[in-house]
Amino acid sequence: MKLLHSAIKSPVFELIKTIEIDIELGEDSWTSRIELFQDTEKRDYFRCRVWELELFRLTLSFPRNENGEPAHITDDSIWVERPFPRSKIDYEGFIASNPDHALQSVIEDLKNFLEHVTGEKVI
């Protein structure tokens, strides 16, 4: 698929794989989601998004109380884009021979991150 327009600045990518993992480091724990996208024209070109599930305290805009102030505050989980630190690939676009190799590249970033912060080898 190709979309030709001056406003479109990238190839069209299709979501081809999503995985989730739960990570616990000391007192902190979170869920990470890895989404792998493949270029619909160039089959060896990929993009990746890494999300972290984060808890936010939000002040809702509506409804409002009699003083015109927000009536509710909520705690909500929201996916926040957070690539793994110390990445060896550009998640905006990288080449891999196939989807499995592309995902493996991202998993290697995760392993490097975990080994760096824990000093423990990933098996």
PDB file of N, CA and C in Angstrom:
ATOM      1  N   MET A   1       0.850  -1.174   0.000  1.00  0.00           N
ATOM      2  CA  MET A   1       0.000   0.000   0.000  1.00  0.00           C
ATOM      3  C   MET A   1       0.889   1.229   0.000  1.00  0.00           C
ATOM      4  N   LYS A   2       0.521   2.185  -0.796  1.00  0.00           N
ATOM      5  CA  LYS A   2       1.273   3.424  -0.868  1.00  0.00           C
ATOM      6  C   LYS A   2       0.286   4.580  -0.890  1.00  0.00           C
ATOM      7  N   LEU A   3       0.567   5.600  -0.100  1.00  0.00           N
ATOM      8  CA  LEU A   3      -0.248   6.817  -0.089  1.00  0.00           C
ATOM      9  C   LEU A   3       0.659   7.970  -0.483  1.00  0.00           C
ATOM     10  N   LEU A   4       0.391   8.542  -1.624  1.00  0.00           N
ATOM     11  CA  LEU A   4       1.199   9.650  -2.107  1.00  0.00           C
ATOM     12  C   LEU A   4       0.482  10.971  -1.855  1.00  0.00           C
ATOM     13  N   HIS A   5       1.058  11.756  -0.980  1.00  0.00           N
ATOM     14  CA  HIS A   5       0.511  13.064  -0.640  1.00  0.00           C
ATOM     15  C   HIS A   5       1.606  13.842   0.073  1.00  0.00           C
ATOM     16  N   SER A   6       1.639  15.144  -0.113  1.00  0.00           N
ATOM     17  CA  SER A   6       2.687  15.957   0.502  1.00  0.00           C
ATOM     18  C   SER A   6       2.650  15.909   2.027  1.00  0.00           C
ATOM     19  N   ALA A   7       1.510  15.582   2.612  1.00  0.00           N
ATOM     20  CA  ALA A   7       1.397  15.534   4.070  1.00  0.00           C
ATOM     21  C   ALA A   7       1.901  14.214   4.654  1.00  0.00           C
ATOM     22  N   ILE A   8       2.037  13.198   3.848  1.00  0.00           N
ATOM     23  CA  ILE A   8       2.471  11.889   4.335  1.00  0.00           C
ATOM     24  C   ILE A   8       3.974  11.785   4.147  1.00  0.00           C
ATOM     25  N   LYS A   9       4.670  11.606   5.258  1.00  0.00           N
ATOM     26  CA  LYS A   9       6.133  11.637   5.250  1.00  0.00           C
ATOM     27  C   LYS A   9       6.772  10.287   5.563  1.00  0.00           C
ATOM     28  N   SER A  10       6.003   9.218   5.548  1.00  0.00           N
ATOM     29  CA  SER A  10       6.564   7.904   5.853  1.00  0.00           C
ATOM     30  C   SER A  10       5.859   6.843   5.028  1.00  0.00           C
ATOM     31  N   PRO A  11       6.448   5.666   4.978  1.00  0.00           N
ATOM     32  CA  PRO A  11       5.726   4.553   4.359  1.00  0.00           C
ATOM     33  C   PRO A  11       4.497   4.206   5.207  1.00  0.00           C
ATOM     34  N   VAL A  12       3.649   3.372   4.668  1.00  0.00           N
ATOM     35  CA  VAL A  12       2.508   2.863   5.427  1.00  0.00           C
ATOM     36  C   VAL A  12       2.980   1.608   6.158  1.00  0.00           C
ATOM     37  N   PHE A  13       2.779   1.581   7.462  1.00  0.00           N
ATOM     38  CA  PHE A  13       3.183   0.448   8.281  1.00  0.00           C
ATOM     39  C   PHE A  13       1.947  -0.293   8.775  1.00  0.00           C
ATOM     40  N   GLU A  14       2.073  -1.608   8.866  1.00  0.00           N
ATOM     41  CA  GLU A  14       1.000  -2.452   9.369  1.00  0.00           C
ATOM     42  C   GLU A  14       1.461  -3.125  10.656  1.00  0.00           C
ATOM     43  N   LEU A  15       0.606  -3.087  11.687  1.00  0.00           N
ATOM     44  CA  LEU A  15       0.907  -3.771  12.942  1.00  0.00           C
ATOM     45  C   LEU A  15       0.887  -5.271  12.692  1.00  0.00           C
ATOM     46  N   ILE A  16       2.004  -5.943  12.957  1.00  0.00           N
ATOM     47  CA  ILE A  16       2.069  -7.377  12.669  1.00  0.00           C
ATOM     48  C   ILE A  16       2.251  -8.240  13.910  1.00  0.00           C
ATOM     49  N   LYS A  17       2.692  -7.637  15.020  1.00  0.00           N
ATOM     50  CA  LYS A  17       2.885  -8.430  16.222  1.00  0.00           C
ATOM     51  C   LYS A  17       2.845  -7.520  17.434  1.00  0.00           C
ATOM     52  N   THR A  18       2.207  -8.006  18.498  1.00  0.00           N
ATOM     53  CA  THR A  18       2.179  -7.300  19.770  1.00  0.00           C
ATOM     54  C   THR A  18       2.486  -8.300  20.867  1.00  0.00           C
ATOM     55  N   ILE A  19       3.417  -7.936  21.749  1.00  0.00           N
ATOM     56  CA  ILE A  19       3.680  -8.773  22.910  1.00  0.00           C
ATOM     57  C   ILE A  19       3.679  -7.888  24.150  1.00  0.00           C
ATOM     58  N   GLU A  20       3.358  -8.482  25.281  1.00  0.00           N
ATOM     59  CA  GLU A  20       3.397  -7.773  26.557  1.00  0.00           C
ATOM     60  C   GLU A  20       4.223  -8.576  27.540  1.00  0.00           C
ATOM     61  N   ILE A  21       4.948  -7.838  28.381  1.00  0.00           N
ATOM     62  CA  ILE A  21       5.726  -8.469  29.438  1.00  0.00           C
ATOM     63  C   ILE A  21       5.576  -7.652  30.711  1.00  0.00           C
ATOM     64  N   ASP A  22       5.621  -8.344  31.830  1.00  0.00           N
ATOM     65  CA  ASP A  22       5.594  -7.694  33.134  1.00  0.00           C
ATOM     66  C   ASP A  22       7.019  -7.663  33.665  1.00  0.00           C
ATOM     67  N   ILE A  23       7.454  -6.482  34.079  1.00  0.00           N
ATOM     68  CA  ILE A  23       8.823  -6.280  34.553  1.00  0.00           C
ATOM     69  C   ILE A  23       8.768  -5.834  36.005  1.00  0.00           C
ATOM     70  N   GLU A  24       9.646  -6.407  36.822  1.00  0.00           N
ATOM     71  CA  GLU A  24       9.749  -6.011  38.223  1.00  0.00           C
ATOM     72  C   GLU A  24      11.214  -5.773  38.545  1.00  0.00           C
ATOM     73  N   LEU A  25      11.514  -4.553  38.963  1.00  0.00           N
ATOM     74  CA  LEU A  25      12.866  -4.186  39.377  1.00  0.00           C
ATOM     75  C   LEU A  25      12.788  -3.616  40.787  1.00  0.00           C
ATOM     76  N   GLY A  26      13.201  -4.398  41.750  1.00  0.00           N
ATOM     77  CA  GLY A  26      13.107  -3.965  43.140  1.00  0.00           C
ATOM     78  C   GLY A  26      11.664  -3.723  43.534  1.00  0.00           C
ATOM     79  N   GLU A  27      11.384  -2.530  44.006  1.00  0.00           N
ATOM     80  CA  GLU A  27      10.035  -2.150  44.426  1.00  0.00           C
ATOM     81  C   GLU A  27       9.130  -1.746  43.263  1.00  0.00           C
ATOM     82  N   ASP A  28       9.735  -1.502  42.102  1.00  0.00           N
ATOM     83  CA  ASP A  28       8.972  -1.030  40.950  1.00  0.00           C
ATOM     84  C   ASP A  28       8.566  -2.186  40.054  1.00  0.00           C
ATOM     85  N   SER A  29       7.346  -2.111  39.546  1.00  0.00           N
ATOM     86  CA  SER A  29       6.886  -3.104  38.570  1.00  0.00           C
ATOM     87  C   SER A  29       5.974  -2.402  37.569  1.00  0.00           C
ATOM     88  N   TRP A  30       5.990  -2.894  36.343  1.00  0.00           N
ATOM     89  CA  TRP A  30       5.166  -2.320  35.298  1.00  0.00           C
ATOM     90  C   TRP A  30       4.995  -3.329  34.175  1.00  0.00           C
ATOM     91  N   THR A  31       4.048  -3.038  33.318  1.00  0.00           N
ATOM     92  CA  THR A  31       3.828  -3.831  32.126  1.00  0.00           C
ATOM     93  C   THR A  31       4.343  -3.048  30.932  1.00  0.00           C
ATOM     94  N   SER A  32       5.088  -3.720  30.060  1.00  0.00           N
ATOM     95  CA  SER A  32       5.547  -3.119  28.807  1.00  0.00           C
ATOM     96  C   SER A  32       4.888  -3.838  27.643  1.00  0.00           C
ATOM     97  N   ARG A  33       4.541  -3.082  26.641  1.00  0.00           N
ATOM     98  CA  ARG A  33       3.946  -3.629  25.419  1.00  0.00           C
ATOM     99  C   ARG A  33       4.866  -3.263  24.261  1.00  0.00           C
ATOM    100  N   ILE A  34       5.200  -4.254  23.467  1.00  0.00           N
ATOM    101  CA  ILE A  34       6.028  -4.056  22.279  1.00  0.00           C
ATOM    102  C   ILE A  34       5.149  -4.285  21.062  1.00  0.00           C
ATOM    103  N   GLU A  35       5.072  -3.270  20.202  1.00  0.00           N
ATOM    104  CA  GLU A  35       4.299  -3.369  18.965  1.00  0.00           C
ATOM    105  C   GLU A  35       5.267  -3.296  17.788  1.00  0.00           C
ATOM    106  N   LEU A  36       5.204  -4.289  16.920  1.00  0.00           N
ATOM    107  CA  LEU A  36       6.072  -4.340  15.756  1.00  0.00           C
ATOM    108  C   LEU A  36       5.248  -4.073  14.501  1.00  0.00           C
ATOM    109  N   PHE A  37       5.729  -3.133  13.696  1.00  0.00           N
ATOM    110  CA  PHE A  37       5.059  -2.745  12.461  1.00  0.00           C
ATOM    111  C   PHE A  37       5.975  -3.070  11.282  1.00  0.00           C
ATOM    112  N   GLN A  38       5.365  -3.466  10.160  1.00  0.00           N
ATOM    113  CA  GLN A  38       6.116  -3.760   8.949  1.00  0.00           C
ATOM    114  C   GLN A  38       5.655  -2.834   7.831  1.00  0.00           C
ATOM    115  N   ASP A  39       6.617  -2.327   7.085  1.00  0.00           N
ATOM    116  CA  ASP A  39       6.326  -1.506   5.907  1.00  0.00           C
ATOM    117  C   ASP A  39       5.524  -2.357   4.923  1.00  0.00           C
ATOM    118  N   THR A  40       4.429  -1.808   4.417  1.00  0.00           N
ATOM    119  CA  THR A  40       3.562  -2.578   3.521  1.00  0.00           C
ATOM    120  C   THR A  40       4.151  -2.749   2.126  1.00  0.00           C
ATOM    121  N   GLU A  41       5.159  -1.952   1.780  1.00  0.00           N
ATOM    122  CA  GLU A  41       5.793  -2.045   0.464  1.00  0.00           C
ATOM    123  C   GLU A  41       7.170  -2.722   0.544  1.00  0.00           C
ATOM    124  N   LYS A  42       7.961  -2.279   1.492  1.00  0.00           N
ATOM    125  CA  LYS A  42       9.327  -2.775   1.646  1.00  0.00           C
ATOM    126  C   LYS A  42       9.338  -3.751   2.821  1.00  0.00           C
ATOM    127  N   ARG A  43       9.264  -5.036   2.541  1.00  0.00           N
ATOM    128  CA  ARG A  43       8.998  -6.067   3.543  1.00  0.00           C
ATOM    129  C   ARG A  43      10.124  -6.276   4.556  1.00  0.00           C
ATOM    130  N   ASP A  44      11.306  -5.696   4.312  1.00  0.00           N
ATOM    131  CA  ASP A  44      12.396  -5.845   5.275  1.00  0.00           C
ATOM    132  C   ASP A  44      12.591  -4.575   6.120  1.00  0.00           C
ATOM    133  N   TYR A  45      11.590  -3.693   6.106  1.00  0.00           N
ATOM    134  CA  TYR A  45      11.672  -2.433   6.847  1.00  0.00           C
ATOM    135  C   TYR A  45      10.605  -2.436   7.933  1.00  0.00           C
ATOM    136  N   PHE A  46      11.027  -2.124   9.172  1.00  0.00           N
ATOM    137  CA  PHE A  46      10.149  -2.240  10.330  1.00  0.00           C
ATOM    138  C   PHE A  46      10.189  -0.981  11.177  1.00  0.00           C
ATOM    139  N   ARG A  47       9.205  -0.871  12.003  1.00  0.00           N
ATOM    140  CA  ARG A  47       9.090   0.191  12.996  1.00  0.00           C
ATOM    141  C   ARG A  47       8.606  -0.477  14.277  1.00  0.00           C
ATOM    142  N   CYS A  48       8.992   0.087  15.407  1.00  0.00           N
ATOM    143  CA  CYS A  48       8.595  -0.501  16.679  1.00  0.00           C
ATOM    144  C   CYS A  48       8.148   0.589  17.645  1.00  0.00           C
ATOM    145  N   ARG A  49       7.167   0.262  18.443  1.00  0.00           N
ATOM    146  CA  ARG A  49       6.736   1.124  19.545  1.00  0.00           C
ATOM    147  C   ARG A  49       6.801   0.304  20.827  1.00  0.00           C
ATOM    148  N   VAL A  50       7.390   0.898  21.859  1.00  0.00           N
ATOM    149  CA  VAL A  50       7.438   0.260  23.175  1.00  0.00           C
ATOM    150  C   VAL A  50       6.664   1.157  24.125  1.00  0.00           C
ATOM    151  N   TRP A  51       5.671   0.566  24.762  1.00  0.00           N
ATOM    152  CA  TRP A  51       4.781   1.301  25.653  1.00  0.00           C
ATOM    153  C   TRP A  51       4.936   0.782  27.074  1.00  0.00           C
ATOM    154  N   GLU A  52       4.760   1.682  28.025  1.00  0.00           N
ATOM    155  CA  GLU A  52       4.762   1.318  29.437  1.00  0.00           C
ATOM    156  C   GLU A  52       3.417   1.730  30.026  1.00  0.00           C
ATOM    157  N   LEU A  53       2.820   0.824  30.768  1.00  0.00           N
ATOM    158  CA  LEU A  53       1.544   1.132  31.408  1.00  0.00           C
ATOM    159  C   LEU A  53       1.829   1.926  32.678  1.00  0.00           C
ATOM    160  N   GLU A  54       1.341   3.152  32.699  1.00  0.00           N
ATOM    161  CA  GLU A  54       1.632   4.084  33.788  1.00  0.00           C
ATOM    162  C   GLU A  54       0.328   4.532  34.434  1.00  0.00           C
ATOM    163  N   LEU A  55       0.363   4.727  35.731  1.00  0.00           N
ATOM    164  CA  LEU A  55      -0.812   5.189  36.464  1.00  0.00           C
ATOM    165  C   LEU A  55      -0.724   6.707  36.639  1.00  0.00           C
ATOM    166  N   PHE A  56      -1.791   7.403  36.243  1.00  0.00           N
ATOM    167  CA  PHE A  56      -1.849   8.859  36.355  1.00  0.00           C
ATOM    168  C   PHE A  56      -3.054   9.277  37.182  1.00  0.00           C
ATOM    169  N   ARG A  57      -2.889  10.330  37.948  1.00  0.00           N
ATOM    170  CA  ARG A  57      -4.014  10.962  38.631  1.00  0.00           C
ATOM    171  C   ARG A  57      -4.457  12.109  37.735  1.00  0.00           C
ATOM    172  N   LEU A  58      -5.699  12.032  37.272  1.00  0.00           N
ATOM    173  CA  LEU A  58      -6.222  12.993  36.311  1.00  0.00           C
ATOM    174  C   LEU A  58      -7.367  13.801  36.911  1.00  0.00           C
ATOM    175  N   THR A  59      -7.391  15.067  36.564  1.00  0.00           N
ATOM    176  CA  THR A  59      -8.517  15.920  36.921  1.00  0.00           C
ATOM    177  C   THR A  59      -9.387  16.036  35.681  1.00  0.00           C
ATOM    178  N   LEU A  60     -10.600  15.532  35.772  1.00  0.00           N
ATOM    179  CA  LEU A  60     -11.500  15.535  34.628  1.00  0.00           C
ATOM    180  C   LEU A  60     -12.017  16.946  34.347  1.00  0.00           C
ATOM    181  N   SER A  61     -12.154  17.275  33.095  1.00  0.00           N
ATOM    182  CA  SER A  61     -12.689  18.584  32.711  1.00  0.00           C
ATOM    183  C   SER A  61     -14.180  18.685  32.988  1.00  0.00           C
ATOM    184  N   PHE A  62     -14.873  17.573  32.821  1.00  0.00           N
ATOM    185  CA  PHE A  62     -16.319  17.537  33.027  1.00  0.00           C
ATOM    186  C   PHE A  62     -16.676  16.285  33.804  1.00  0.00           C
ATOM    187  N   PRO A  63     -17.655  16.285  34.633  1.00  0.00           N
ATOM    188  CA  PRO A  63     -18.549  17.415  34.922  1.00  0.00           C
ATOM    189  C   PRO A  63     -17.880  18.430  35.846  1.00  0.00           C
ATOM    190  N   ARG A  64     -18.519  19.569  35.953  1.00  0.00           N
ATOM    191  CA  ARG A  64     -18.059  20.647  36.832  1.00  0.00           C
ATOM    192  C   ARG A  64     -19.026  20.787  38.011  1.00  0.00           C
ATOM    193  N   ASN A  65     -18.498  21.235  39.160  1.00  0.00           N
ATOM    194  CA  ASN A  65     -19.378  21.462  40.311  1.00  0.00           C
ATOM    195  C   ASN A  65     -20.019  22.847  40.214  1.00  0.00           C
ATOM    196  N   GLU A  66     -20.742  23.217  41.243  1.00  0.00           N
ATOM    197  CA  GLU A  66     -21.471  24.495  41.232  1.00  0.00           C
ATOM    198  C   GLU A  66     -20.548  25.712  41.181  1.00  0.00           C
ATOM    199  N   ASN A  67     -19.261  25.535  41.533  1.00  0.00           N
ATOM    200  CA  ASN A  67     -18.285  26.629  41.473  1.00  0.00           C
ATOM    201  C   ASN A  67     -17.528  26.661  40.143  1.00  0.00           C
ATOM    202  N   GLY A  68     -17.901  25.769  39.221  1.00  0.00           N
ATOM    203  CA  GLY A  68     -17.245  25.722  37.923  1.00  0.00           C
ATOM    204  C   GLY A  68     -15.920  24.978  37.935  1.00  0.00           C
ATOM    205  N   GLU A  69     -15.625  24.280  39.034  1.00  0.00           N
ATOM    206  CA  GLU A  69     -14.380  23.509  39.143  1.00  0.00           C
ATOM    207  C   GLU A  69     -14.650  22.052  38.788  1.00  0.00           C
ATOM    208  N   PRO A  70     -13.609  21.343  38.362  1.00  0.00           N
ATOM    209  CA  PRO A  70     -13.804  19.922  38.058  1.00  0.00           C
ATOM    210  C   PRO A  70     -14.364  19.181  39.270  1.00  0.00           C
ATOM    211  N   ALA A  71     -15.354  18.340  39.022  1.00  0.00           N
ATOM    212  CA  ALA A  71     -16.039  17.633  40.103  1.00  0.00           C
ATOM    213  C   ALA A  71     -15.351  16.327  40.490  1.00  0.00           C
ATOM    214  N   HIS A  72     -14.489  15.784  39.618  1.00  0.00           N
ATOM    215  CA  HIS A  72     -13.903  14.473  39.900  1.00  0.00           C
ATOM    216  C   HIS A  72     -12.411  14.439  39.589  1.00  0.00           C
ATOM    217  N   ILE A  73     -11.729  13.613  40.355  1.00  0.00           N
ATOM    218  CA  ILE A  73     -10.341  13.257  40.092  1.00  0.00           C
ATOM    219  C   ILE A  73     -10.316  11.741  39.978  1.00  0.00           C
ATOM    220  N   THR A  74      -9.592  11.221  38.990  1.00  0.00           N
ATOM    221  CA  THR A  74      -9.540   9.772  38.804  1.00  0.00           C
ATOM    222  C   THR A  74      -8.089   9.303  38.717  1.00  0.00           C
ATOM    223  N   ASP A  75      -7.891   8.041  39.021  1.00  0.00           N
ATOM    224  CA  ASP A  75      -6.606   7.377  38.793  1.00  0.00           C
ATOM    225  C   ASP A  75      -6.820   6.443  37.616  1.00  0.00           C
ATOM    226  N   ASP A  76      -6.068   6.672  36.535  1.00  0.00           N
ATOM    227  CA  ASP A  76      -6.250   5.894  35.316  1.00  0.00           C
ATOM    228  C   ASP A  76      -4.911   5.371  34.806  1.00  0.00           C
ATOM    229  N   SER A  77      -4.954   4.178  34.245  1.00  0.00           N
ATOM    230  CA  SER A  77      -3.773   3.612  33.582  1.00  0.00           C
ATOM    231  C   SER A  77      -3.770   4.074  32.136  1.00  0.00           C
ATOM    232  N   ILE A  78      -2.607   4.550  31.699  1.00  0.00           N
ATOM    233  CA  ILE A  78      -2.455   5.058  30.343  1.00  0.00           C
ATOM    234  C   ILE A  78      -1.154   4.497  29.772  1.00  0.00           C
ATOM    235  N   TRP A  79      -1.211   4.071  28.501  1.00  0.00           N
ATOM    236  CA  TRP A  79       0.004   3.618  27.831  1.00  0.00           C
ATOM    237  C   TRP A  79       0.840   4.829  27.439  1.00  0.00           C
ATOM    238  N   VAL A  80       2.107   4.832  27.859  1.00  0.00           N
ATOM    239  CA  VAL A  80       3.040   5.908  27.564  1.00  0.00           C
ATOM    240  C   VAL A  80       4.180   5.313  26.738  1.00  0.00           C
ATOM    241  N   GLU A  81       4.545   5.974  25.644  1.00  0.00           N
ATOM    242  CA  GLU A  81       5.626   5.444  24.819  1.00  0.00           C
ATOM    243  C   GLU A  81       6.956   5.635  25.535  1.00  0.00           C
ATOM    244  N   ARG A  82       7.635   4.506  25.797  1.00  0.00           N
ATOM    245  CA  ARG A  82       8.927   4.536  26.481  1.00  0.00           C
ATOM    246  C   ARG A  82       9.829   3.447  25.909  1.00  0.00           C
ATOM    247  N   PRO A  83      10.577   3.783  24.867  1.00  0.00           N
ATOM    248  CA  PRO A  83      11.510   2.790  24.311  1.00  0.00           C
ATOM    249  C   PRO A  83      12.531   2.378  25.369  1.00  0.00           C
ATOM    250  N   PHE A  84      13.091   1.201  25.192  1.00  0.00           N
ATOM    251  CA  PHE A  84      14.099   0.742  26.130  1.00  0.00           C
ATOM    252  C   PHE A  84      15.347   1.610  26.003  1.00  0.00           C
ATOM    253  N   PRO A  85      15.907   2.051  27.137  1.00  0.00           N
ATOM    254  CA  PRO A  85      17.125   2.862  27.092  1.00  0.00           C
ATOM    255  C   PRO A  85      18.284   2.055  26.501  1.00  0.00           C
ATOM    256  N   ARG A  86      19.283   2.751  25.998  1.00  0.00           N
ATOM    257  CA  ARG A  86      20.489   2.137  25.466  1.00  0.00           C
ATOM    258  C   ARG A  86      20.216   1.319  24.208  1.00  0.00           C
ATOM    259  N   SER A  87      19.203   1.711  23.447  1.00  0.00           N
ATOM    260  CA  SER A  87      18.817   0.972  22.253  1.00  0.00           C
ATOM    261  C   SER A  87      19.913   0.992  21.197  1.00  0.00           C
ATOM    262  N   LYS A  88      20.054  -0.127  20.520  1.00  0.00           N
ATOM    263  CA  LYS A  88      21.028  -0.228  19.435  1.00  0.00           C
ATOM    264  C   LYS A  88      20.367  -0.067  18.071  1.00  0.00           C
ATOM    265  N   ILE A  89      19.041   0.058  18.051  1.00  0.00           N
ATOM    266  CA  ILE A  89      18.335   0.246  16.783  1.00  0.00           C
ATOM    267  C   ILE A  89      17.482   1.506  16.858  1.00  0.00           C
ATOM    268  N   ASP A  90      17.147   2.023  15.696  1.00  0.00           N
ATOM    269  CA  ASP A  90      16.262   3.179  15.596  1.00  0.00           C
ATOM    270  C   ASP A  90      14.835   2.655  15.460  1.00  0.00           C
ATOM    271  N   TYR A  91      14.039   2.806  16.492  1.00  0.00           N
ATOM    272  CA  TYR A  91      12.679   2.255  16.489  1.00  0.00           C
ATOM    273  C   TYR A  91      11.777   2.900  15.446  1.00  0.00           C
ATOM    274  N   GLU A  92      12.168   4.064  14.928  1.00  0.00           N
ATOM    275  CA  GLU A  92      11.362   4.730  13.902  1.00  0.00           C
ATOM    276  C   GLU A  92      11.459   4.031  12.555  1.00  0.00           C
ATOM    277  N   GLY A  93      12.526   3.283  12.364  1.00  0.00           N
ATOM    278  CA  GLY A  93      12.685   2.553  11.117  1.00  0.00           C
ATOM    279  C   GLY A  93      13.992   1.794  11.092  1.00  0.00           C
ATOM    280  N   PHE A  94      13.920   0.490  10.870  1.00  0.00           N
ATOM    281  CA  PHE A  94      15.129  -0.322  10.812  1.00  0.00           C
ATOM    282  C   PHE A  94      14.899  -1.511   9.882  1.00  0.00           C
ATOM    283  N   ILE A  95      16.004  -2.077   9.431  1.00  0.00           N
ATOM    284  CA  ILE A  95      15.950  -3.189   8.485  1.00  0.00           C
ATOM    285  C   ILE A  95      16.193  -4.495   9.226  1.00  0.00           C
ATOM    286  N   ALA A  96      15.411  -5.500   8.876  1.00  0.00           N
ATOM    287  CA  ALA A  96      15.592  -6.871   9.374  1.00  0.00           C
ATOM    288  C   ALA A  96      15.104  -7.814   8.277  1.00  0.00           C
ATOM    289  N   SER A  97      15.642  -8.997   8.250  1.00  0.00           N
ATOM    290  CA  SER A  97      15.315  -9.923   7.161  1.00  0.00           C
ATOM    291  C   SER A  97      13.871 -10.412   7.204  1.00  0.00           C
ATOM    292  N   ASN A  98      13.278 -10.454   8.413  1.00  0.00           N
ATOM    293  CA  ASN A  98      11.887 -10.900   8.542  1.00  0.00           C
ATOM    294  C   ASN A  98      11.338 -10.429   9.887  1.00  0.00           C
ATOM    295  N   PRO A  99      10.033 -10.583  10.119  1.00  0.00           N
ATOM    296  CA  PRO A  99       9.442 -10.116  11.376  1.00  0.00           C
ATOM    297  C   PRO A  99      10.060 -10.740  12.632  1.00  0.00           C
ATOM    298  N   ASP A 100      10.412 -12.019  12.576  1.00  0.00           N
ATOM    299  CA  ASP A 100      11.014 -12.651  13.746  1.00  0.00           C
ATOM    300  C   ASP A 100      12.356 -12.021  14.097  1.00  0.00           C
ATOM    301  N   HIS A 101      13.165 -11.727  13.082  1.00  0.00           N
ATOM    302  CA  HIS A 101      14.450 -11.077  13.333  1.00  0.00           C
ATOM    303  C   HIS A 101      14.256  -9.643  13.822  1.00  0.00           C
ATOM    304  N   ALA A 102      13.255  -8.968  13.309  1.00  0.00           N
ATOM    305  CA  ALA A 102      12.964  -7.602  13.765  1.00  0.00           C
ATOM    306  C   ALA A 102      12.588  -7.607  15.241  1.00  0.00           C
ATOM    307  N   LEU A 103      11.696  -8.515  15.612  1.00  0.00           N
ATOM    308  CA  LEU A 103      11.293  -8.607  17.018  1.00  0.00           C
ATOM    309  C   LEU A 103      12.483  -9.008  17.887  1.00  0.00           C
ATOM    310  N   GLN A 104      13.306  -9.900  17.394  1.00  0.00           N
ATOM    311  CA  GLN A 104      14.484 -10.319  18.153  1.00  0.00           C
ATOM    312  C   GLN A 104      15.416  -9.146  18.421  1.00  0.00           C
ATOM    313  N   SER A 105      15.536  -8.216  17.481  1.00  0.00           N
ATOM    314  CA  SER A 105      16.358  -7.020  17.691  1.00  0.00           C
ATOM    315  C   SER A 105      15.837  -6.192  18.861  1.00  0.00           C
ATOM    316  N   VAL A 106      14.527  -6.061  18.950  1.00  0.00           N
ATOM    317  CA  VAL A 106      13.922  -5.299  20.041  1.00  0.00           C
ATOM    318  C   VAL A 106      14.090  -6.057  21.358  1.00  0.00           C
ATOM    319  N   ILE A 107      13.933  -7.372  21.321  1.00  0.00           N
ATOM    320  CA  ILE A 107      14.127  -8.185  22.524  1.00  0.00           C
ATOM    321  C   ILE A 107      15.571  -8.063  23.019  1.00  0.00           C
ATOM    322  N   GLU A 108      16.518  -7.980  22.091  1.00  0.00           N
ATOM    323  CA  GLU A 108      17.921  -7.776  22.478  1.00  0.00           C
ATOM    324  C   GLU A 108      18.099  -6.454  23.219  1.00  0.00           C
ATOM    325  N   ASP A 109      17.391  -5.412  22.776  1.00  0.00           N
ATOM    326  CA  ASP A 109      17.419  -4.137  23.507  1.00  0.00           C
ATOM    327  C   ASP A 109      16.896  -4.314  24.929  1.00  0.00           C
ATOM    328  N   LEU A 110      15.804  -5.049  25.062  1.00  0.00           N
ATOM    329  CA  LEU A 110      15.243  -5.316  26.397  1.00  0.00           C
ATOM    330  C   LEU A 110      16.266  -6.072  27.245  1.00  0.00           C
ATOM    331  N   LYS A 111      16.877  -7.099  26.684  1.00  0.00           N
ATOM    332  CA  LYS A 111      17.880  -7.869  27.429  1.00  0.00           C
ATOM    333  C   LYS A 111      19.034  -6.977  27.873  1.00  0.00           C
ATOM    334  N   ASN A 112      19.535  -6.143  26.954  1.00  0.00           N
ATOM    335  CA  ASN A 112      20.633  -5.233  27.304  1.00  0.00           C
ATOM    336  C   ASN A 112      20.239  -4.297  28.436  1.00  0.00           C
ATOM    337  N   PHE A 113      19.016  -3.776  28.379  1.00  0.00           N
ATOM    338  CA  PHE A 113      18.525  -2.895  29.441  1.00  0.00           C
ATOM    339  C   PHE A 113      18.487  -3.634  30.774  1.00  0.00           C
ATOM    340  N   LEU A 114      17.889  -4.833  30.784  1.00  0.00           N
ATOM    341  CA  LEU A 114      17.771  -5.591  32.031  1.00  0.00           C
ATOM    342  C   LEU A 114      19.138  -5.975  32.596  1.00  0.00           C
ATOM    343  N   GLU A 115      20.052  -6.396  31.725  1.00  0.00           N
ATOM    344  CA  GLU A 115      21.386  -6.764  32.191  1.00  0.00           C
ATOM    345  C   GLU A 115      22.125  -5.549  32.742  1.00  0.00           C
ATOM    346  N   HIS A 116      21.910  -4.389  32.109  1.00  0.00           N
ATOM    347  CA  HIS A 116      22.565  -3.157  32.578  1.00  0.00           C
ATOM    348  C   HIS A 116      22.064  -2.750  33.958  1.00  0.00           C
ATOM    349  N   VAL A 117      20.766  -2.789  34.185  1.00  0.00           N
ATOM    350  CA  VAL A 117      20.223  -2.297  35.450  1.00  0.00           C
ATOM    351  C   VAL A 117      20.300  -3.320  36.592  1.00  0.00           C
ATOM    352  N   THR A 118      20.367  -4.614  36.250  1.00  0.00           N
ATOM    353  CA  THR A 118      20.391  -5.633  37.302  1.00  0.00           C
ATOM    354  C   THR A 118      21.748  -6.295  37.486  1.00  0.00           C
ATOM    355  N   GLY A 119      22.602  -6.232  36.445  1.00  0.00           N
ATOM    356  CA  GLY A 119      23.874  -6.936  36.493  1.00  0.00           C
ATOM    357  C   GLY A 119      23.708  -8.438  36.329  1.00  0.00           C
ATOM    358  N   GLU A 120      22.504  -8.861  36.040  1.00  0.00           N
ATOM    359  CA  GLU A 120      22.179 -10.288  35.898  1.00  0.00           C
ATOM    360  C   GLU A 120      21.982 -10.627  34.426  1.00  0.00           C
ATOM    361  N   LYS A 121      22.581 -11.723  33.989  1.00  0.00           N
ATOM    362  CA  LYS A 121      22.484 -12.165  32.602  1.00  0.00           C
ATOM    363  C   LYS A 121      21.082 -12.674  32.305  1.00  0.00           C
ATOM    364  N   VAL A 122      20.537 -12.297  31.134  1.00  0.00           N
ATOM    365  CA  VAL A 122      19.236 -12.793  30.680  1.00  0.00           C
ATOM    366  C   VAL A 122      19.461 -14.091  29.927  1.00  0.00           C
ATOM    367  N   ILE A 123      18.697 -15.089  30.270  1.00  0.00           N
ATOM    368  CA  ILE A 123      18.834 -16.407  29.619  1.00  0.00           C
ATOM    369  C   ILE A 123      17.795 -16.557  28.542  1.00  0.00           C
TER     370      ILE A 123
END
